[in-house]
Amino acid sequence: MSKNGQSSQHEAAYDRFESEKPREACGVFGVYASNTPTASLTYLGLFALQHRGQESAGIASSNGETITVIKDLGLVSQVFDERRLSPLQGHLTIGHVRYSTTGDNVWENSQPIYREGGACGFALAHNGNITNVRRLMESHNLNLGKATSDTDILAEVIGQEYEEAPDARGLERAIEKKIPQVEGAFSTLVMDDSRLIGVRDPRGFRPLCLGRIEKGWVLASETCALDILDAAFVREIAPGEMIVIDAQGVHSYQIFPPTDPHLCVFEFVYFARPDSQLYGINVYQARSRMGEALATQAAVEADLVMPVPESGVPAAQGFSKRSGIPYGEGLVKNRYVGRTFIAPTQELRDRSIRMKLNPLVENVRGKRLVVVDDSIVRGSTTRRIVALLRASGAKEVHLRISSPPYRWPCYFGMDTGRRGELVAASLSVEEIQQYVGADTLAYLEKDRMLEATSATEQGFCTACLDGNYPLDVSEAIKKDGLEF
């Protein structure tokens, strides 16, 4: 398995610093289906989840006797082709796309992870962050060598128990016993030679859903990955629930005591694809309502409402609808650059924004613009966008952000860096406005944002906005070196 395409630590550090958005959690996808090319279905499912992770991709497949794992650094289309899919023959498959919220971007941390144990071992794919890693490592005497991700910890903790109980239900018993010792965010898929298991943490920080296909079942991070297979959406996996899929069908076990759900609110704001459903609500419609609420809260006289593509599009359309200001495009995105662009020299760094976004000068010249985006994390890219629009002849630039100021690091599956890197942690809204060079700046109020989701009674984690963490994160802060 090649390690080609591995980025250097310098490149990764630069890209992380330059990123204006909170970086994604990962995406997981699994299929159990008889007489079906499950690896090919998983390949398609991972394509639909590519927005959740672009650093590595992998698939594990079982033919009932042997588990085969193929994974590598890169996008799904770079890792897999017909040649690499051909060995993945079987009725049972899990897949993963990764962004490294913890652990380096190296091949050893790509997923799914394979672990020896029981009759044939098991493979595991994980979306989220574990917050009590140090305690787990000490209590289980773990030394993981080169691998540094939370997923390795999870696999070893389960594997130690599985080795002691390698019976027909040994894997699910091991998960049922050990997973309650794990704290943090985890929507996790595990498979052995004959069963597919899905587990969601008791607060449900990250999404996981169940779908039905003609000859079997699908588990996926988002419903958009069901759509690509024409799979029927059955339901979301409940927080704290373990789903076991085998030859007898689907079995459900509640392995955690009930607690309040805390789905990451940024799944609605930015992470999830707009055609996905969360809490039974279409994400695009929720984002459009956020834009409408923003227009009501922070009205301004202007000639054109334009998004920062592509994540700002639904909110910009909602802002236009409510305000009556025409909607139009002011920036064109180069889709071939992707979400990662490495600029090794200062000259290229100065031009990096033009590599990703180019202005439609005829649309913005002489106009009073409302520029809508979903978030500002570090502020550097926003500042360059404002400068680019002004250089293109914009008369005024009014920034409208469809979420509140992002002030606190996340420890549940997003990569935001240290608090000192978050522009809203140290600057007021007025100071951010001056820093980015906008004529006005307004963020959507938290209550209005939550109301726009239409799921206010379902429960959300808003720790990145208000610092109210639903779990003790002191150990995670020490592990990652992230100060408050």
Protein backbone atom coordinates (compact mmCIF):
# COMPACT_ATOMS: atom_id res chain seq x y z
CA MET A 1 0.00 0.00 0.00
CA SER A 2 1.66 3.14 -1.21
CA LYS A 3 2.34 6.18 0.90
CA ASN A 4 2.54 8.42 -2.14
CA GLY A 5 0.94 11.83 -1.77
CA GLN A 6 1.78 12.24 1.90
CA SER A 7 2.07 15.95 2.67
CA SER A 8 4.91 17.30 4.76
CA GLN A 9 4.33 18.61 8.26
CA HIS A 10 5.22 22.09 6.97
CA GLU A 11 2.56 21.93 4.26
CA ALA A 12 -0.05 20.55 6.64
CA ALA A 13 0.71 23.27 9.18
CA TYR A 14 0.44 26.00 6.54
CA ASP A 15 -2.84 24.64 5.18
CA ARG A 16 -4.31 24.40 8.67
CA PHE A 17 -3.32 27.97 9.48
CA GLU A 18 -4.73 29.29 6.22
CA SER A 19 -8.02 27.42 6.49
CA GLU A 20 -10.89 29.85 7.09
CA LYS A 21 -13.39 27.10 7.90
CA PRO A 22 -13.52 24.72 10.83
CA ARG A 23 -12.13 21.51 9.37
CA GLU A 24 -14.43 18.54 9.05
CA ALA A 25 -15.01 15.49 11.07
CA CYS A 26 -14.65 12.24 9.10
CA GLY A 27 -17.18 10.21 7.15
CA VAL A 28 -18.11 6.54 7.65
CA PHE A 29 -20.12 4.21 5.42
CA GLY A 30 -20.97 0.53 5.69
CA VAL A 31 -23.00 -2.06 3.73
CA TYR A 32 -24.31 -5.51 4.63
CA ALA A 33 -25.97 -7.14 1.62
CA SER A 34 -26.09 -10.67 0.19
CA ASN A 35 -25.03 -11.33 -3.43
CA THR A 36 -24.13 -7.65 -3.85
CA PRO A 37 -20.85 -5.88 -4.73
CA THR A 38 -20.72 -4.08 -1.41
CA ALA A 39 -17.25 -2.60 -2.02
CA SER A 40 -18.53 -0.82 -5.13
CA LEU A 41 -21.49 0.51 -3.18
CA THR A 42 -19.18 1.71 -0.42
CA TYR A 43 -16.98 3.40 -3.02
CA LEU A 44 -20.02 5.37 -4.19
CA GLY A 45 -21.03 6.14 -0.61
CA LEU A 46 -17.58 7.53 0.17
CA PHE A 47 -17.82 9.79 -2.88
CA ALA A 48 -20.98 11.25 -1.38
CA LEU A 49 -19.15 11.82 1.91
CA GLN A 50 -15.94 13.23 0.41
CA HIS A 51 -16.75 16.68 1.82
CA ARG A 52 -16.20 15.29 5.32
CA GLY A 53 -12.57 14.34 4.74
CA GLN A 54 -10.05 14.70 1.94
CA GLU A 55 -6.81 13.39 3.48
CA SER A 56 -7.29 9.63 3.16
CA ALA A 57 -9.81 7.02 2.10
CA GLY A 58 -10.16 3.31 2.81
CA ILE A 59 -12.42 0.28 2.50
CA ALA A 60 -12.48 -2.99 4.44
CA SER A 61 -14.42 -5.96 3.05
CA SER A 62 -15.29 -9.47 4.27
CA ASN A 63 -16.21 -12.50 2.17
CA GLY A 64 -17.25 -14.44 5.28
CA GLU A 65 -13.77 -15.82 5.94
CA THR A 66 -11.21 -13.07 5.37
CA ILE A 67 -11.17 -9.32 5.93
CA THR A 68 -9.28 -7.33 3.29
CA VAL A 69 -8.37 -3.68 3.88
CA ILE A 70 -7.20 -1.22 1.21
CA LYS A 71 -6.52 2.38 2.18
CA ASP A 72 -4.19 5.23 1.29
CA LEU A 73 -3.67 8.96 1.48
CA GLY A 74 -5.68 11.01 -1.00
CA LEU A 75 -9.21 11.48 -2.28
CA VAL A 76 -11.52 8.54 -2.95
CA SER A 77 -10.90 8.84 -6.69
CA GLN A 78 -7.12 8.85 -6.12
CA VAL A 79 -7.08 5.85 -3.77
CA PHE A 80 -9.48 3.56 -5.63
CA ASP A 81 -9.85 2.38 -9.18
CA GLU A 82 -11.10 -0.87 -10.70
CA ARG A 83 -7.80 -2.61 -9.95
CA ARG A 84 -7.81 -1.70 -6.26
CA LEU A 85 -11.50 -2.46 -5.81
CA SER A 86 -11.29 -5.92 -7.38
CA PRO A 87 -9.79 -7.70 -4.30
CA LEU A 88 -12.59 -6.34 -2.11
CA GLN A 89 -15.09 -9.14 -2.67
CA GLY A 90 -17.70 -9.82 -0.05
CA HIS A 91 -21.13 -9.24 1.41
CA LEU A 92 -19.92 -6.90 4.15
CA THR A 93 -17.93 -3.68 3.79
CA ILE A 94 -17.08 -0.52 5.73
CA GLY A 95 -15.39 2.60 4.40
CA HIS A 96 -13.93 5.84 5.68
CA VAL A 97 -12.82 9.29 4.53
CA ARG A 98 -10.59 11.17 6.92
CA TYR A 99 -9.63 14.61 8.03
CA SER A 100 -7.11 14.51 10.88
CA THR A 101 -8.65 16.37 13.81
CA THR A 102 -6.16 14.45 15.96
CA GLY A 103 -3.12 12.54 14.78
CA ASP A 104 -0.82 13.29 11.88
CA ASN A 105 -1.81 12.91 8.25
CA VAL A 106 0.22 9.73 7.71
CA TRP A 107 -0.71 6.39 6.19
CA GLU A 108 -0.67 4.69 9.61
CA ASN A 109 -3.60 6.86 10.69
CA SER A 110 -5.76 6.21 7.63
CA GLN A 111 -8.84 4.06 8.15
CA PRO A 112 -10.45 1.55 8.45
CA ILE A 113 -8.05 0.09 11.01
CA TYR A 114 -7.62 -3.68 11.14
CA ARG A 115 -7.07 -5.42 14.50
CA GLU A 116 -6.28 -9.08 15.09
CA GLY A 117 -8.57 -10.90 17.49
CA GLY A 118 -11.24 -13.56 17.64
CA ALA A 119 -11.58 -15.89 14.67
CA CYS A 120 -10.57 -13.41 11.95
CA GLY A 121 -10.05 -10.01 13.59
CA PHE A 122 -12.09 -6.91 12.95
CA ALA A 123 -11.96 -3.59 11.12
CA LEU A 124 -13.03 -0.25 12.57
CA ALA A 125 -13.80 3.23 11.19
CA HIS A 126 -14.41 6.20 13.44
CA ASN A 127 -15.83 9.72 13.16
CA GLY A 128 -15.19 12.03 16.10
CA ASN A 129 -12.69 12.70 18.89
CA ILE A 130 -12.09 10.82 22.14
CA THR A 131 -11.49 13.08 25.11
CA ASN A 132 -10.10 10.58 27.68
CA VAL A 133 -7.33 9.04 25.57
CA ARG A 134 -4.64 9.26 28.24
CA ARG A 135 -6.73 7.44 30.85
CA LEU A 136 -7.64 4.75 28.35
CA MET A 137 -4.02 4.23 27.37
CA GLU A 138 -2.90 3.98 30.98
CA SER A 139 -5.72 1.68 32.08
CA HIS A 140 -5.17 -0.65 29.09
CA ASN A 141 -1.35 -0.40 29.01
CA LEU A 142 -1.33 0.77 25.38
CA ASN A 143 1.71 1.63 23.28
CA LEU A 144 0.69 2.25 19.70
CA GLY A 145 3.99 3.06 17.97
CA LYS A 146 3.67 5.25 14.88
CA ALA A 147 -0.11 5.47 14.88
CA THR A 148 -1.36 8.48 16.83
CA SER A 149 -5.09 8.70 16.17
CA ASP A 150 -7.98 8.22 18.57
CA THR A 151 -9.16 5.39 16.35
CA ASP A 152 -6.16 3.25 17.27
CA ILE A 153 -7.01 3.70 20.94
CA LEU A 154 -10.60 2.66 20.28
CA ALA A 155 -9.56 -0.42 18.31
CA GLU A 156 -7.04 -1.55 20.95
CA VAL A 157 -9.49 -1.10 23.82
CA ILE A 158 -12.11 -3.20 22.01
CA GLY A 159 -9.51 -5.69 20.76
CA GLN A 160 -8.17 -6.52 24.21
CA GLU A 161 -11.63 -7.53 25.35
CA TYR A 162 -12.39 -9.36 22.10
CA GLU A 163 -9.34 -11.58 22.52
CA GLU A 164 -10.70 -12.77 25.84
CA ALA A 165 -14.15 -13.61 24.45
CA PRO A 166 -13.77 -14.85 20.84
CA ASP A 167 -17.20 -16.51 20.65
CA ALA A 168 -19.91 -15.97 18.05
CA ARG A 169 -21.00 -12.72 19.70
CA GLY A 170 -17.58 -11.84 21.05
CA LEU A 171 -17.12 -8.63 19.08
CA GLU A 172 -20.42 -7.07 19.98
CA ARG A 173 -19.99 -8.15 23.61
CA ALA A 174 -16.55 -6.53 23.64
CA ILE A 175 -17.98 -3.30 22.24
CA GLU A 176 -20.89 -3.37 24.66
CA LYS A 177 -18.49 -3.76 27.60
CA LYS A 178 -15.70 -1.39 26.56
CA ILE A 179 -17.35 1.46 24.67
CA PRO A 180 -19.04 2.86 27.82
CA GLN A 181 -15.51 3.54 29.14
CA VAL A 182 -14.86 5.86 26.18
CA GLU A 183 -15.67 9.57 26.47
CA GLY A 184 -16.08 12.05 23.67
CA ALA A 185 -17.56 11.92 20.18
CA PHE A 186 -17.73 8.71 18.20
CA SER A 187 -19.97 7.55 15.41
CA THR A 188 -18.20 4.28 14.72
CA LEU A 189 -18.54 1.31 12.38
CA VAL A 190 -16.99 -2.06 13.26
CA MET A 191 -17.08 -5.31 11.26
CA ASP A 192 -15.84 -8.86 11.59
CA ASP A 193 -16.34 -11.64 9.07
CA SER A 194 -20.11 -11.85 9.52
CA ARG A 195 -21.61 -8.73 11.07
CA LEU A 196 -21.70 -4.97 10.69
CA ILE A 197 -21.92 -2.95 13.90
CA GLY A 198 -22.65 0.75 14.30
CA VAL A 199 -22.26 2.67 17.57
CA ARG A 200 -23.04 6.28 18.37
CA ASP A 201 -21.82 8.09 21.49
CA PRO A 202 -24.43 8.88 24.16
CA ARG A 203 -24.66 12.57 23.20
CA GLY A 204 -24.75 11.98 19.45
CA PHE A 205 -22.19 14.65 18.59
CA ARG A 206 -21.75 13.27 15.06
CA PRO A 207 -24.53 11.94 12.81
CA LEU A 208 -25.14 8.31 11.84
CA CYS A 209 -28.13 6.88 10.00
CA LEU A 210 -29.59 3.57 8.82
CA GLY A 211 -30.78 2.86 5.28
CA ARG A 212 -32.37 -0.08 3.47
CA ILE A 213 -31.41 -1.47 0.07
CA GLU A 214 -32.98 -4.37 -1.83
CA LYS A 215 -30.75 -7.11 -0.39
CA GLY A 216 -29.47 -5.54 2.79
CA TRP A 217 -28.70 -2.54 4.95
CA VAL A 218 -26.55 0.58 4.94
CA LEU A 219 -25.03 2.69 7.73
CA ALA A 220 -23.78 6.16 6.81
CA SER A 221 -22.69 9.46 8.33
CA GLU A 222 -25.24 11.36 6.24
CA THR A 223 -28.41 10.64 4.32
CA CYS A 224 -26.91 12.03 1.10
CA ALA A 225 -24.77 8.88 0.98
CA LEU A 226 -27.94 6.76 1.04
CA ASP A 227 -29.38 8.68 -1.89
CA ILE A 228 -26.54 7.76 -4.23
CA LEU A 229 -27.50 4.07 -3.77
CA ASP A 230 -31.25 4.72 -3.95
CA ALA A 231 -31.34 3.38 -0.40
CA ALA A 232 -34.45 4.11 1.64
CA PHE A 233 -33.79 6.15 4.76
CA VAL A 234 -34.98 4.17 7.79
CA ARG A 235 -33.95 6.32 10.76
CA GLU A 236 -31.09 7.98 12.57
CA ILE A 237 -29.11 5.84 14.97
CA ALA A 238 -30.03 7.10 18.43
CA PRO A 239 -27.36 8.56 20.73
CA GLY A 240 -25.94 5.72 22.85
CA GLU A 241 -27.32 3.03 20.53
CA MET A 242 -25.49 0.02 19.10
CA ILE A 243 -26.85 -1.47 15.88
CA VAL A 244 -25.83 -5.02 14.89
CA ILE A 245 -26.59 -6.18 11.33
CA ASP A 246 -26.15 -9.86 10.49
CA ALA A 247 -27.84 -12.63 8.51
CA GLN A 248 -30.88 -12.41 10.81
CA GLY A 249 -31.41 -8.70 10.24
CA VAL A 250 -30.99 -5.55 12.35
CA HIS A 251 -30.69 -5.70 16.15
CA SER A 252 -30.69 -2.65 18.41
CA TYR A 253 -29.12 -2.29 21.87
CA GLN A 254 -29.04 0.83 24.06
CA ILE A 255 -25.61 0.53 25.69
CA PHE A 256 -25.46 3.94 27.40
CA PRO A 257 -27.82 5.49 29.96
CA PRO A 258 -30.09 8.14 28.42
CA THR A 259 -28.71 11.70 28.38
CA ASP A 260 -29.43 14.93 26.55
CA PRO A 261 -28.43 14.82 22.84
CA HIS A 262 -25.78 17.25 21.61
CA LEU A 263 -25.54 17.05 17.83
CA CYS A 264 -22.83 19.48 16.66
CA VAL A 265 -24.69 22.57 15.49
CA PHE A 266 -22.07 23.08 12.78
CA GLU A 267 -23.40 19.98 11.05
CA PHE A 268 -26.36 22.22 10.21
CA VAL A 269 -24.27 25.35 9.62
CA TYR A 270 -21.45 23.95 7.48
CA PHE A 271 -20.35 20.30 7.69
CA ALA A 272 -23.26 18.29 6.35
CA ARG A 273 -24.05 18.36 2.66
CA PRO A 274 -27.04 20.62 1.96
CA ASP A 275 -29.05 17.71 0.52
CA SER A 276 -28.72 15.70 3.76
CA GLN A 277 -31.34 15.36 6.47
CA LEU A 278 -30.55 15.88 10.18
CA TYR A 279 -33.16 15.43 12.88
CA GLY A 280 -35.53 14.84 9.95
CA ILE A 281 -34.88 18.35 8.60
CA ASN A 282 -33.36 19.26 5.24
CA VAL A 283 -30.01 20.99 5.80
CA TYR A 284 -30.38 23.33 2.81
CA GLN A 285 -33.70 24.64 4.08
CA ALA A 286 -32.24 25.22 7.55
CA ARG A 287 -29.34 27.21 6.10
CA SER A 288 -31.70 29.24 3.96
CA ARG A 289 -33.75 30.07 7.08
CA MET A 290 -30.52 31.18 8.79
CA GLY A 291 -30.01 33.64 5.95
CA GLU A 292 -33.58 34.90 6.30
CA ALA A 293 -33.09 35.37 10.03
CA LEU A 294 -29.86 37.24 9.37
CA ALA A 295 -31.63 39.60 6.97
CA THR A 296 -34.22 40.35 9.65
CA GLN A 297 -31.62 40.84 12.37
CA ALA A 298 -29.04 42.83 10.39
CA ALA A 299 -30.78 44.62 7.53
CA VAL A 300 -28.69 46.86 5.28
CA GLU A 301 -29.25 48.85 2.08
CA ALA A 302 -27.41 47.19 -0.78
CA ASP A 303 -27.54 46.36 -4.48
CA LEU A 304 -26.54 42.69 -4.50
CA VAL A 305 -26.50 39.72 -2.12
CA MET A 306 -23.68 37.32 -2.97
CA PRO A 307 -22.33 34.19 -1.26
CA VAL A 308 -18.80 33.12 -0.51
CA PRO A 309 -18.97 29.91 -2.55
CA GLU A 310 -20.04 27.33 -1.99
CA SER A 311 -20.92 27.06 1.68
CA GLY A 312 -22.50 30.51 1.83
CA VAL A 313 -24.98 29.90 -0.99
CA PRO A 314 -28.11 28.73 0.92
CA ALA A 315 -27.87 31.49 3.54
CA ALA A 316 -27.24 34.13 0.85
CA GLN A 317 -30.33 32.97 -1.02
CA GLY A 318 -32.34 33.17 2.19
CA PHE A 319 -30.99 36.65 2.92
CA SER A 320 -31.99 37.78 -0.58
CA LYS A 321 -35.46 36.28 -0.26
CA ARG A 322 -36.18 38.03 3.03
CA SER A 323 -34.51 41.36 2.21
CA GLY A 324 -35.70 41.70 -1.37
CA ILE A 325 -32.16 42.55 -2.48
CA PRO A 326 -31.28 40.70 -5.73
CA TYR A 327 -29.13 37.59 -5.41
CA GLY A 328 -26.14 37.12 -7.68
CA GLU A 329 -22.69 35.62 -7.97
CA GLY A 330 -19.70 37.79 -7.20
CA LEU A 331 -17.00 35.15 -6.87
CA VAL A 332 -16.26 32.08 -8.98
CA LYS A 333 -14.72 29.10 -7.21
CA ASN A 334 -12.02 27.00 -8.84
CA ARG A 335 -13.39 23.56 -7.98
CA TYR A 336 -10.19 21.83 -9.05
CA VAL A 337 -8.14 23.40 -6.28
CA GLY A 338 -10.27 21.65 -3.68
CA ARG A 339 -10.25 22.45 0.01
CA THR A 340 -6.48 22.15 0.35
CA PHE A 341 -4.01 24.40 -1.42
CA ILE A 342 -0.32 24.37 -0.51
CA ALA A 343 1.57 27.63 -1.11
CA PRO A 344 5.27 27.05 -0.42
CA THR A 345 6.45 30.60 -1.27
CA GLN A 346 5.34 34.04 -0.13
CA GLU A 347 4.43 35.02 -3.68
CA LEU A 348 2.10 32.04 -4.00
CA ARG A 349 0.68 32.68 -0.54
CA ASP A 350 -0.18 36.21 -1.64
CA ARG A 351 -1.97 34.78 -4.68
CA SER A 352 -3.60 31.81 -2.93
CA ILE A 353 -7.03 33.42 -2.68
CA ARG A 354 -7.04 33.95 -6.48
CA MET A 355 -6.26 30.26 -6.91
CA LYS A 356 -9.50 29.44 -5.13
CA LEU A 357 -11.78 32.39 -5.85
CA ASN A 358 -11.90 34.88 -8.71
CA PRO A 359 -14.21 37.91 -8.81
CA LEU A 360 -16.87 38.56 -11.41
CA VAL A 361 -15.79 42.16 -11.89
CA GLU A 362 -18.80 43.11 -13.99
CA ASN A 363 -21.15 41.95 -11.23
CA VAL A 364 -19.47 43.72 -8.32
CA ARG A 365 -18.08 46.96 -9.81
CA GLY A 366 -19.84 49.96 -8.33
CA LYS A 367 -22.17 47.79 -6.23
CA ARG A 368 -23.01 47.84 -2.54
CA LEU A 369 -22.51 44.18 -1.69
CA VAL A 370 -23.91 41.96 1.04
CA VAL A 371 -21.39 39.12 1.26
CA VAL A 372 -22.78 36.09 3.09
CA ASP A 373 -20.70 33.28 4.58
CA ASP A 374 -21.37 30.65 7.25
CA SER A 375 -18.42 31.36 9.58
CA ILE A 376 -15.19 33.22 10.22
CA VAL A 377 -12.53 31.22 12.05
CA ARG A 378 -9.16 32.91 11.67
CA GLY A 379 -10.18 35.84 9.50
CA SER A 380 -7.24 35.82 7.09
CA THR A 381 -9.17 34.49 4.09
CA THR A 382 -12.15 36.77 4.79
CA ARG A 383 -9.80 39.72 4.84
CA ARG A 384 -8.39 38.76 1.45
CA ILE A 385 -11.87 38.30 -0.02
CA VAL A 386 -12.93 41.77 1.09
CA ALA A 387 -9.75 43.27 -0.37
CA LEU A 388 -10.31 41.36 -3.62
CA LEU A 389 -13.87 42.68 -3.96
CA ARG A 390 -12.75 46.24 -3.27
CA ALA A 391 -9.97 45.92 -5.84
CA SER A 392 -12.65 44.77 -8.29
CA GLY A 393 -14.56 48.00 -7.80
CA ALA A 394 -17.10 47.15 -5.07
CA LYS A 395 -18.52 50.36 -3.61
CA GLU A 396 -19.35 48.84 -0.20
CA VAL A 397 -18.82 45.41 1.38
CA HIS A 398 -21.22 44.35 4.14
CA LEU A 399 -20.33 40.99 5.69
CA ARG A 400 -23.11 38.80 7.08
CA ILE A 401 -22.24 35.54 8.84
CA SER A 402 -24.96 32.91 9.34
CA SER A 403 -23.61 31.70 12.70
CA PRO A 404 -22.41 33.41 15.90
CA PRO A 405 -18.75 34.26 16.49
CA TYR A 406 -16.58 31.14 16.71
CA ARG A 407 -14.68 31.61 19.99
CA TRP A 408 -13.78 28.24 21.51
CA PRO A 409 -11.84 25.17 20.31
CA CYS A 410 -13.75 21.97 19.58
CA TYR A 411 -12.76 18.63 21.11
CA PHE A 412 -15.53 16.55 19.53
CA GLY A 413 -14.49 16.10 15.91
CA MET A 414 -13.67 19.50 14.42
CA ASP A 415 -10.18 20.89 13.97
CA THR A 416 -10.03 24.53 15.03
CA GLY A 417 -6.56 24.85 16.53
CA ARG A 418 -5.76 26.88 19.61
CA ARG A 419 -8.10 29.47 20.99
CA GLY A 420 -5.52 32.14 20.28
CA GLU A 421 -5.88 31.38 16.56
CA LEU A 422 -9.63 32.12 16.60
CA VAL A 423 -10.14 35.73 15.63
CA ALA A 424 -13.36 36.11 17.66
CA ALA A 425 -11.69 34.83 20.84
CA SER A 426 -9.72 38.03 21.26
CA LEU A 427 -11.45 40.63 19.09
CA SER A 428 -14.89 42.21 19.34
CA VAL A 429 -17.22 42.21 16.34
CA GLU A 430 -16.26 45.83 15.67
CA GLU A 431 -12.56 44.95 15.81
CA ILE A 432 -13.07 41.98 13.46
CA GLN A 433 -14.90 44.29 11.07
CA GLN A 434 -11.90 46.62 11.06
CA TYR A 435 -9.46 43.72 10.68
CA VAL A 436 -11.18 42.23 7.64
CA GLY A 437 -11.87 45.66 6.13
CA ALA A 438 -15.67 45.44 5.81
CA ASP A 439 -18.02 48.42 5.95
CA THR A 440 -20.27 46.51 8.34
CA LEU A 441 -20.20 43.05 9.92
CA ALA A 442 -22.98 41.08 11.61
CA TYR A 443 -23.13 37.56 12.98
CA LEU A 444 -26.39 35.65 13.38
CA GLU A 445 -27.45 35.47 17.02
CA LYS A 446 -27.32 32.00 18.56
CA ASP A 447 -31.03 31.81 19.41
CA ARG A 448 -31.97 32.78 15.86
CA MET A 449 -29.56 30.21 14.43
CA LEU A 450 -31.00 27.42 16.58
CA GLU A 451 -34.55 28.44 15.75
CA ALA A 452 -33.69 28.30 12.04
CA THR A 453 -32.79 24.61 12.36
CA SER A 454 -36.42 23.88 13.40
CA ALA A 455 -34.96 21.34 15.84
CA THR A 456 -34.55 23.40 18.99
CA GLU A 457 -36.00 20.66 21.20
CA GLN A 458 -33.68 17.98 19.82
CA GLY A 459 -30.48 19.25 21.42
CA PHE A 460 -27.21 20.71 20.11
CA CYS A 461 -23.61 21.18 21.14
CA THR A 462 -22.73 24.88 20.87
CA ALA A 463 -19.47 24.76 22.84
CA CYS A 464 -17.45 26.37 20.02
CA LEU A 465 -19.76 29.39 20.28
CA ASP A 466 -20.29 29.74 24.02
CA GLY A 467 -17.63 27.60 25.75
CA ASN A 468 -20.26 25.38 27.43
CA TYR A 469 -18.71 21.94 26.89
CA PRO A 470 -21.11 19.06 27.65
CA LEU A 471 -18.13 16.90 28.75
CA ASP A 472 -14.99 17.48 30.78
CA VAL A 473 -12.35 18.38 28.17
CA SER A 474 -9.41 19.12 30.47
CA GLU A 475 -7.55 15.95 29.42
CA ALA A 476 -8.12 16.68 25.74
CA ILE A 477 -6.75 20.18 26.20
CA LYS A 478 -3.55 18.80 27.70
CA LYS A 479 -3.22 16.08 25.04
CA ASP A 480 -3.54 18.46 22.12
CA GLY A 481 -1.74 21.37 23.74
CA LEU A 482 -4.73 23.60 23.11
CA GLU A 483 -5.07 26.34 25.69
CA PHE A 484 -8.19 28.23 26.57
